[in-house]
Amino acid sequence: MKIIIDAMGGDNAPLEIVKGAIQARKDFGVDIVLTGREADIQEAVRACGQPLGEGITIHNCTEVIEMCDDPAFACRRKKDASMTVGLTMLRNGEGDAFISAGSTGALLSGATLLVKRVRGIRRAAMSPLIPTAAGDAVLVDCGANIECTPEYLLQFAYIGTFYARRALHMEQPRVALLNIGAEESKGMALQREAYALLKQAGDEGHINFIGNIEAKEALKGGADVIVADGFSGNVMLKTIEGVGSFLKVKLKAIFFRNLLTKLAALLVRDGVQDIKDTLDPNERGATPFLGIAKPVLKAHGSSNARAIRNAVRAAIDCVNGGLEEEIAQNIALMQVERTPRAEAQEQK
């Protein structure tokens, strides 16, 4: 198996990317290709104090997609950028998965343009695993599609279900629509129309749809697949990340108040660390773009070496999962009659 990594993407590139690639090679034994400016990558290798070693190669690129570049045109205009080259290699069969911590918009646009979506999928979706009181849940979408149609949300429910079966090992994951209330009449026109489609799919036995869910109930473990438009999903995801940072600060203040609280901290240290790890995006590694024809994964922009190492682990799981094949086999179930509003949205 060969994993392609954008060595120039992210706030800590290329040093942390290189460190993570070296660790991933040691832990998982997969071949890794680093795309990017070879001189910069080699400098990072020297800073690591150890060679890349067998199984890790560099594909030199002369350009880098910056965060200020227009996401819609970045890969078109910078054809020799590390992200563009990596996606092209994936499309051409020169690797099995691609990882980048660079611009989310550019990565989604490039993946759609170069690797392509599974035929029949209207929009690819970012689908991270988020922590809940009952374990992990799939959130789909978390920011790739700010404006959605009911058909998009229907497709998100299906691909989220297929992903949950593999990532969470659930036979019939519970699917819920993120909304401001549990009642069928809640939400804007998008949520109400999507509810009808999801309920029909549930009644026909294609997905295990359990209705609307509020964010607070979702975090209690009320659903295994949380379907949302990209705006709502992103707000929920960023809130979870913010709460994690908030808890770290507050717990530290509590436990380091005096000698007795410091002793108490020692007693619950392992449990506190488990909470920190659960809320740490670096432990998650990367989020796959579901609906793309081959595995493309987005790592957090501030990814460190541990995050890149874990991103490779996630990529391996995606390659071995066969998710794209299941999506393609069930695409007929995910399509609905095109409405004028959906057609107008599709043109945007």
Protein backbone atom coordinates (compact mmCIF):
# COMPACT_ATOMS: atom_id res chain seq x y z
CA MET A 1 0.00 0.00 0.00
CA LYS A 2 1.23 3.50 -0.84
CA ILE A 3 0.01 6.66 0.88
CA ILE A 4 0.67 10.07 -0.71
CA ILE A 5 1.10 13.00 1.69
CA ASP A 6 1.17 16.70 0.89
CA ALA A 7 4.37 17.70 2.71
CA MET A 8 3.74 21.44 2.26
CA GLY A 9 0.18 21.61 3.61
CA GLY A 10 -0.64 22.92 7.07
CA ASP A 11 0.70 25.34 9.64
CA ASN A 12 3.57 23.08 10.70
CA ALA A 13 4.74 21.88 7.29
CA PRO A 14 7.03 20.40 6.28
CA LEU A 15 8.77 19.50 9.58
CA GLU A 16 5.82 17.91 11.40
CA ILE A 17 4.64 16.26 8.20
CA VAL A 18 8.02 14.61 7.74
CA LYS A 19 8.18 13.51 11.39
CA GLY A 20 4.72 12.01 11.16
CA ALA A 21 5.53 10.21 7.90
CA ILE A 22 8.64 8.64 9.43
CA GLN A 23 6.66 7.47 12.46
CA ALA A 24 3.84 6.11 10.30
CA ARG A 25 6.29 4.14 8.20
CA LYS A 26 7.73 2.56 11.35
CA ASP A 27 4.34 1.79 12.88
CA PHE A 28 2.37 0.65 9.84
CA GLY A 29 4.96 -0.41 7.25
CA VAL A 30 3.22 1.29 4.32
CA ASP A 31 5.09 3.07 1.54
CA ILE A 32 4.82 6.85 1.67
CA VAL A 33 5.36 9.51 -0.99
CA LEU A 34 5.92 13.09 0.16
CA THR A 35 4.97 15.71 -2.43
CA GLY A 36 6.54 19.14 -2.11
CA ARG A 37 9.67 21.21 -2.51
CA GLU A 38 12.47 18.70 -2.15
CA ALA A 39 14.93 21.20 -0.69
CA ASP A 40 12.48 22.14 2.07
CA ILE A 41 11.64 18.51 2.77
CA GLN A 42 15.32 17.55 2.97
CA GLU A 43 15.93 20.41 5.39
CA ALA A 44 13.10 19.07 7.55
CA VAL A 45 14.64 15.60 7.38
CA ARG A 46 17.92 16.99 8.72
CA ALA A 47 16.05 18.76 11.49
CA CYS A 48 14.49 15.42 12.46
CA GLY A 49 17.96 13.99 13.03
CA GLN A 50 17.14 10.78 11.18
CA PRO A 51 16.90 9.77 7.51
CA LEU A 52 13.63 9.11 5.75
CA GLY A 53 14.64 5.49 5.40
CA GLU A 54 13.41 2.82 3.05
CA GLY A 55 9.81 3.11 1.94
CA ILE A 56 9.56 6.92 1.99
CA THR A 57 10.25 8.86 -1.20
CA ILE A 58 10.01 12.51 -2.26
CA HIS A 59 8.24 13.76 -5.36
CA ASN A 60 9.60 17.24 -6.05
CA CYS A 61 7.10 20.04 -6.74
CA THR A 62 7.84 23.69 -7.43
CA GLU A 63 4.63 25.29 -6.13
CA VAL A 64 2.61 25.42 -2.93
CA ILE A 65 -1.10 26.19 -2.53
CA GLU A 66 -1.38 28.90 0.12
CA MET A 67 -4.35 29.56 2.37
CA CYS A 68 -4.89 32.88 0.57
CA ASP A 69 -5.29 31.19 -2.83
CA ASP A 70 -8.79 30.99 -4.27
CA PRO A 71 -9.91 27.44 -3.36
CA ALA A 72 -12.00 27.03 -6.51
CA PHE A 73 -9.07 27.69 -8.84
CA ALA A 74 -5.97 26.83 -6.79
CA CYS A 75 -5.36 23.40 -8.32
CA ARG A 76 -6.14 24.69 -11.81
CA ARG A 77 -3.66 27.55 -11.57
CA LYS A 78 -0.92 25.76 -9.64
CA LYS A 79 -0.53 22.53 -11.54
CA ASP A 80 2.85 21.74 -9.95
CA ALA A 81 1.72 22.40 -6.39
CA SER A 82 2.23 19.65 -3.82
CA MET A 83 -1.52 19.21 -3.39
CA THR A 84 -2.28 19.18 -7.13
CA VAL A 85 0.50 16.72 -7.89
CA GLY A 86 -0.55 14.41 -5.04
CA LEU A 87 -4.17 14.32 -6.20
CA THR A 88 -3.05 13.69 -9.79
CA MET A 89 -0.87 10.80 -8.64
CA LEU A 90 -3.84 9.31 -6.77
CA ARG A 91 -6.04 9.64 -9.85
CA ASN A 92 -3.39 7.94 -12.00
CA GLY A 93 -3.05 4.98 -9.65
CA GLU A 94 0.37 5.96 -8.30
CA GLY A 95 -0.90 5.72 -4.74
CA ASP A 96 -3.85 4.36 -2.77
CA ALA A 97 -4.83 7.42 -0.70
CA PHE A 98 -3.92 11.10 -0.37
CA ILE A 99 -3.58 13.20 2.80
CA SER A 100 -3.24 16.97 3.14
CA ALA A 101 -3.38 19.42 6.02
CA GLY A 102 -3.64 22.32 3.57
CA SER A 103 -6.59 24.43 2.47
CA THR A 104 -9.86 22.52 2.94
CA GLY A 105 -11.57 24.33 0.07
CA ALA A 106 -8.69 23.76 -2.33
CA LEU A 107 -8.47 20.10 -1.35
CA LEU A 108 -12.18 19.52 -1.91
CA SER A 109 -12.14 21.41 -5.19
CA GLY A 110 -9.01 19.60 -6.37
CA ALA A 111 -10.33 16.19 -5.34
CA THR A 112 -13.57 16.83 -7.21
CA LEU A 113 -11.76 18.13 -10.29
CA LEU A 114 -8.95 15.58 -10.49
CA VAL A 115 -9.98 12.42 -8.64
CA LYS A 116 -13.73 12.92 -9.30
CA ARG A 117 -16.75 11.98 -7.24
CA VAL A 118 -18.38 8.56 -7.34
CA ARG A 119 -20.76 8.78 -10.30
CA GLY A 120 -24.15 9.96 -9.05
CA ILE A 121 -22.90 11.64 -5.87
CA ARG A 122 -23.88 15.31 -5.97
CA ARG A 123 -21.39 16.57 -3.38
CA ALA A 124 -18.57 15.01 -1.40
CA ALA A 125 -18.85 15.48 2.37
CA MET A 126 -16.39 15.77 5.23
CA SER A 127 -17.27 13.18 7.83
CA PRO A 128 -15.26 13.26 11.06
CA LEU A 129 -15.78 10.94 13.97
CA ILE A 130 -16.87 13.06 16.93
CA PRO A 131 -16.90 12.04 20.60
CA THR A 132 -20.19 11.46 22.41
CA ALA A 133 -21.09 10.09 25.82
CA ALA A 134 -21.83 6.72 24.21
CA GLY A 135 -18.74 6.55 21.97
CA ASP A 136 -17.93 7.99 18.57
CA ALA A 137 -20.46 9.19 16.00
CA VAL A 138 -20.14 10.20 12.35
CA LEU A 139 -20.89 13.86 11.59
CA VAL A 140 -21.70 14.38 7.92
CA ASP A 141 -21.18 17.11 6.63
CA CYS A 142 -18.89 19.30 8.76
CA GLY A 143 -18.06 22.13 6.38
CA ALA A 144 -17.54 21.02 2.80
CA ASN A 145 -21.01 22.13 1.67
CA ILE A 146 -22.34 25.30 3.24
CA GLU A 147 -25.44 25.37 1.04
CA CYS A 148 -27.26 22.07 0.59
CA THR A 149 -30.35 20.58 -1.03
CA PRO A 150 -32.51 17.85 0.52
CA GLU A 151 -30.97 15.36 -1.92
CA TYR A 152 -27.50 16.19 -0.60
CA LEU A 153 -28.62 15.42 2.94
CA LEU A 154 -30.21 12.16 1.80
CA GLN A 155 -26.93 11.14 0.20
CA PHE A 156 -25.02 12.18 3.32
CA ALA A 157 -27.22 9.84 5.35
CA TYR A 158 -26.41 6.89 3.10
CA ILE A 159 -22.67 7.48 2.85
CA GLY A 160 -22.53 8.22 6.56
CA THR A 161 -24.24 4.90 7.24
CA PHE A 162 -21.78 3.00 5.04
CA TYR A 163 -18.86 4.75 6.73
CA ALA A 164 -20.19 4.08 10.24
CA ARG A 165 -20.47 0.38 9.50
CA ARG A 166 -16.76 0.31 8.78
CA ALA A 167 -15.39 2.90 11.20
CA LEU A 168 -17.67 2.13 14.15
CA HIS A 169 -18.39 -1.54 13.34
CA MET A 170 -22.16 -1.10 13.59
CA GLU A 171 -24.59 -3.21 11.60
CA GLN A 172 -27.50 -0.72 11.76
CA PRO A 173 -26.17 2.70 12.81
CA ARG A 174 -28.84 5.13 13.98
CA VAL A 175 -29.20 8.07 11.59
CA ALA A 176 -30.54 11.42 12.77
CA LEU A 177 -30.96 14.84 11.17
CA LEU A 178 -29.37 17.71 13.11
CA ASN A 179 -32.11 20.23 13.88
CA ILE A 180 -33.34 22.73 16.46
CA GLY A 181 -35.90 20.29 17.83
CA ALA A 182 -37.03 16.70 17.60
CA GLU A 183 -40.43 17.42 16.05
CA GLU A 184 -40.94 16.66 12.36
CA SER A 185 -42.05 20.24 11.69
CA LYS A 186 -38.89 21.85 13.07
CA GLY A 187 -36.27 23.65 11.02
CA MET A 188 -36.13 25.52 7.75
CA ALA A 189 -37.50 24.21 4.44
CA LEU A 190 -34.24 22.31 3.87
CA GLN A 191 -34.58 20.31 7.08
CA ARG A 192 -38.29 19.64 6.61
CA GLU A 193 -37.86 18.43 3.02
CA ALA A 194 -34.81 16.37 3.95
CA TYR A 195 -36.74 14.82 6.84
CA ALA A 196 -39.38 13.51 4.42
CA LEU A 197 -36.71 11.92 2.20
CA LEU A 198 -34.88 10.38 5.16
CA LYS A 199 -38.09 9.04 6.65
CA GLN A 200 -39.00 7.41 3.34
CA ALA A 201 -35.56 5.80 3.13
CA GLY A 202 -35.99 4.59 6.69
CA ASP A 203 -39.48 3.21 6.06
CA GLU A 204 -38.12 1.31 3.06
CA GLY A 205 -35.42 -0.23 5.25
CA HIS A 206 -32.43 1.33 3.51
CA ILE A 207 -31.20 3.31 6.52
CA ASN A 208 -32.02 3.30 10.23
CA PHE A 209 -33.50 6.80 10.43
CA ILE A 210 -34.60 7.80 13.94
CA GLY A 211 -35.72 11.40 13.26
CA ASN A 212 -34.45 14.85 14.17
CA ILE A 213 -31.89 15.39 16.91
CA GLU A 214 -30.67 18.43 18.79
CA ALA A 215 -26.94 18.95 19.23
CA LYS A 216 -27.12 18.39 22.99
CA GLU A 217 -28.81 15.01 22.50
CA ALA A 218 -26.33 14.05 19.79
CA LEU A 219 -23.45 14.61 22.23
CA LYS A 220 -25.21 12.40 24.75
CA GLY A 221 -24.97 9.57 22.22
CA GLY A 222 -28.44 9.80 20.74
CA ALA A 223 -27.35 8.90 17.21
CA ASP A 224 -24.50 7.17 15.40
CA VAL A 225 -24.72 9.20 12.17
CA ILE A 226 -25.56 12.90 12.47
CA VAL A 227 -26.65 14.41 9.15
CA ALA A 228 -26.20 18.16 8.70
CA ASP A 229 -25.61 20.86 6.14
CA GLY A 230 -21.99 21.99 6.15
CA PHE A 231 -22.71 25.24 8.00
CA SER A 232 -24.52 23.63 10.92
CA GLY A 233 -22.14 20.71 11.05
CA ASN A 234 -19.10 22.97 11.13
CA VAL A 235 -20.56 25.05 13.95
CA MET A 236 -21.16 21.85 15.92
CA LEU A 237 -17.65 20.52 15.26
CA LYS A 238 -15.92 23.80 16.17
CA THR A 239 -18.03 24.01 19.33
CA ILE A 240 -16.86 20.55 20.39
CA GLU A 241 -13.24 21.54 19.76
CA GLY A 242 -13.74 24.77 21.71
CA VAL A 243 -15.30 22.95 24.65
CA GLY A 244 -12.29 20.64 24.67
CA SER A 245 -9.89 23.58 24.95
CA PHE A 246 -12.12 25.19 27.59
CA LEU A 247 -12.13 22.04 29.71
CA LYS A 248 -8.34 21.74 29.56
CA VAL A 249 -7.92 25.26 30.93
CA LYS A 250 -10.54 24.82 33.65
CA LEU A 251 -9.29 21.41 34.79
CA LYS A 252 -5.74 22.70 35.01
CA ALA A 253 -6.89 25.62 37.13
CA ILE A 254 -8.81 23.29 39.45
CA PHE A 255 -6.10 20.69 39.91
CA PHE A 256 -3.20 23.09 40.42
CA ARG A 257 -4.94 25.29 42.98
CA ASN A 258 -3.16 23.87 46.05
CA LEU A 259 -1.37 20.82 47.38
CA LEU A 260 -4.54 18.82 48.02
CA THR A 261 -5.90 19.40 44.51
CA LYS A 262 -2.51 18.43 43.06
CA LEU A 263 -2.70 15.14 44.94
CA ALA A 264 -6.23 14.65 43.64
CA ALA A 265 -4.94 15.28 40.12
CA LEU A 266 -2.50 12.40 40.50
CA LEU A 267 -5.35 10.07 41.44
CA VAL A 268 -7.46 10.91 38.38
CA ARG A 269 -4.62 11.61 35.95
CA ASP A 270 -5.33 8.68 33.66
CA GLY A 271 -9.02 9.50 33.40
CA VAL A 272 -8.33 13.16 32.66
CA GLN A 273 -5.84 12.18 29.99
CA ASP A 274 -8.46 9.95 28.38
CA ILE A 275 -10.82 12.94 28.19
CA LYS A 276 -8.08 15.10 26.65
CA ASP A 277 -7.29 12.43 24.06
CA THR A 278 -10.97 12.06 23.17
CA LEU A 279 -11.25 15.78 22.42
CA ASP A 280 -7.85 16.15 20.75
CA PRO A 281 -8.13 16.43 16.92
CA ASN A 282 -4.54 15.19 16.63
CA GLU A 283 -5.69 11.79 17.92
CA ARG A 284 -8.28 11.61 15.14
CA GLY A 285 -5.66 12.20 12.46
CA ALA A 286 -7.73 13.05 9.40
CA THR A 287 -11.25 13.23 8.04
CA PRO A 288 -12.15 11.51 4.76
CA PHE A 289 -14.04 13.22 1.96
CA LEU A 290 -16.87 10.71 1.51
CA GLY A 291 -18.13 10.46 -2.06
CA ILE A 292 -14.77 10.94 -3.79
CA ALA A 293 -13.87 8.00 -6.03
CA LYS A 294 -10.61 7.30 -4.15
CA PRO A 295 -9.62 8.01 -0.53
CA VAL A 296 -8.77 11.69 0.04
CA LEU A 297 -8.33 12.76 3.65
CA LYS A 298 -8.10 16.20 5.25
CA ALA A 299 -5.84 16.56 8.28
CA HIS A 300 -6.26 19.45 10.70
CA GLY A 301 -4.47 22.63 9.63
CA SER A 302 -2.40 22.67 12.83
CA SER A 303 -1.55 18.96 12.64
CA ASN A 304 1.57 17.83 14.47
CA ALA A 305 3.59 14.69 13.82
CA ARG A 306 1.22 12.53 15.87
CA ALA A 307 -1.72 13.79 13.83
CA ILE A 308 -0.01 12.91 10.54
CA ARG A 309 0.90 9.48 11.87
CA ASN A 310 -2.74 8.93 12.84
CA ALA A 311 -3.88 10.33 9.49
CA VAL A 312 -1.93 7.57 7.77
CA ARG A 313 -3.67 5.03 9.99
CA ALA A 314 -7.04 6.51 8.96
CA ALA A 315 -6.01 6.38 5.30
CA ILE A 316 -5.10 2.71 5.60
CA ASP A 317 -8.54 1.99 7.08
CA CYS A 318 -10.18 3.85 4.18
CA VAL A 319 -8.22 1.92 1.57
CA ASN A 320 -9.08 -1.41 3.17
CA GLY A 321 -12.73 -0.50 3.75
CA GLY A 322 -14.07 -0.62 0.20
CA LEU A 323 -16.41 2.29 0.94
CA GLU A 324 -16.36 3.75 -2.57
CA GLU A 325 -17.54 0.45 -4.05
CA GLU A 326 -20.52 0.26 -1.68
CA ILE A 327 -21.50 3.84 -2.48
CA ALA A 328 -21.38 3.09 -6.20
CA GLN A 329 -23.47 -0.05 -5.79
CA ASN A 330 -26.23 1.82 -3.93
CA ILE A 331 -26.25 5.08 -5.85
CA ALA A 332 -29.73 4.46 -7.29
CA LEU A 333 -31.22 4.59 -3.79
CA MET A 334 -29.70 8.03 -3.16
CA GLN A 335 -31.12 9.89 -6.14
CA VAL A 336 -34.39 11.80 -6.23
CA GLU A 337 -36.29 13.70 -8.89
CA ARG A 338 -34.59 17.03 -9.60
CA THR A 339 -36.54 20.10 -8.50
CA PRO A 340 -35.99 23.62 -9.91
CA ARG A 341 -34.41 24.65 -6.59
CA ALA A 342 -32.04 21.69 -6.66
CA GLU A 343 -31.12 22.39 -10.27
CA ALA A 344 -30.36 26.03 -9.42
CA GLN A 345 -28.25 24.93 -6.45
CA GLU A 346 -26.36 22.45 -8.63
CA GLN A 347 -25.27 25.26 -10.93
CA LYS A 348 -23.57 27.20 -8.10
